[in-house]
Amino acid sequence: MERPIAAFLLGLTLLAVPVLCAEDGYELWLRYRKVDDPSRRAQYRDAIGHVVVPGENATSEIIRSEFQRALPALLDT
């Protein structure tokens, strides 16, 4: 009975390896993929002229860095 369970667990592990290698933890949590629809992407570009994050603290800096990472990826700019 132990061999089938071990084989099953090994099989699951081998199947999961390509998926686990595809993304790091950050990408798994926040996927900033380009908006696929070109017209929708253009609408978003037109609507977002600039983003202002008020404050000079650690949280504000994190928010700014996320926008700097996300918007170019999402809008393909």
Protein backbone atom coordinates (compact mmCIF):
# COMPACT_ATOMS: atom_id res chain seq x y z
CA MET A 1 0.00 0.00 0.00
CA GLU A 2 2.93 2.37 0.60
CA ARG A 3 4.30 2.06 -2.94
CA PRO A 4 1.14 3.31 -4.70
CA ILE A 5 0.98 6.31 -2.36
CA ALA A 6 4.66 7.09 -2.89
CA ALA A 7 4.26 6.74 -6.67
CA PHE A 8 1.22 9.00 -6.59
CA LEU A 9 3.05 11.67 -4.58
CA LEU A 10 6.06 11.44 -6.88
CA GLY A 11 3.79 11.84 -9.90
CA LEU A 12 2.15 14.93 -8.39
CA THR A 13 5.55 16.40 -7.62
CA LEU A 14 6.79 15.84 -11.18
CA LEU A 15 3.64 17.38 -12.63
CA ALA A 16 3.97 20.43 -10.40
CA VAL A 17 7.61 21.20 -11.25
CA PRO A 18 6.94 22.99 -14.58
CA VAL A 19 4.20 25.08 -13.00
CA LEU A 20 6.33 25.99 -10.02
CA CYS A 21 9.22 27.04 -12.23
CA ALA A 22 7.03 29.21 -14.43
CA GLU A 23 6.49 31.99 -11.88
CA ASP A 24 8.19 33.26 -8.80
CA GLY A 25 6.19 34.04 -5.70
CA TYR A 26 5.80 37.68 -6.64
CA GLU A 27 4.37 36.88 -10.06
CA LEU A 28 2.06 34.35 -8.50
CA TRP A 29 0.63 36.98 -6.17
CA LEU A 30 0.46 40.00 -8.51
CA ARG A 31 0.29 39.13 -12.16
CA TYR A 32 0.94 42.22 -14.21
CA ARG A 33 0.13 40.86 -17.65
CA LYS A 34 -0.44 43.11 -20.63
CA VAL A 35 -4.11 43.90 -21.27
CA ASP A 36 -4.85 41.71 -24.28
CA ASP A 37 -7.53 43.84 -25.94
CA PRO A 38 -5.74 46.67 -27.84
CA SER A 39 -8.75 49.00 -27.75
CA ARG A 40 -9.22 48.47 -24.02
CA ARG A 41 -5.49 49.01 -23.47
CA ALA A 42 -5.72 52.30 -25.41
CA GLN A 43 -8.70 53.38 -23.29
CA TYR A 44 -6.72 52.72 -20.12
CA ARG A 45 -3.71 54.63 -21.47
CA ASP A 46 -5.93 57.61 -22.28
CA ALA A 47 -7.68 57.49 -18.90
CA ILE A 48 -4.50 57.27 -16.81
CA GLY A 49 -2.52 60.43 -17.42
CA HIS A 50 -0.56 60.15 -14.21
CA VAL A 51 -0.87 58.65 -10.75
CA VAL A 52 -0.22 60.61 -7.57
CA VAL A 53 0.55 58.78 -4.35
CA PRO A 54 0.66 61.27 -1.49
CA GLY A 55 2.92 60.74 1.47
CA GLU A 56 6.56 60.17 2.22
CA ASN A 57 6.50 56.96 4.19
CA ALA A 58 7.30 53.31 3.58
CA THR A 59 3.77 52.42 2.52
CA SER A 60 3.62 55.25 -0.01
CA GLU A 61 6.95 54.17 -1.45
CA ILE A 62 5.70 50.60 -1.85
CA ILE A 63 2.56 51.83 -3.58
CA ARG A 64 4.62 54.01 -5.93
CA SER A 65 6.93 51.15 -6.80
CA GLU A 66 3.97 48.87 -7.54
CA PHE A 67 2.48 51.44 -9.91
CA GLN A 68 5.87 51.84 -11.58
CA ARG A 69 6.03 48.09 -12.07
CA ALA A 70 2.38 47.45 -12.93
CA LEU A 71 1.37 50.19 -15.35
CA PRO A 72 4.13 49.67 -17.94
CA ALA A 73 3.45 45.93 -17.90
CA LEU A 74 -0.33 46.21 -18.04
CA LEU A 75 -0.41 48.96 -20.64
CA ASP A 76 2.58 47.76 -22.68
CA THR A 77 4.40 51.08 -22.44
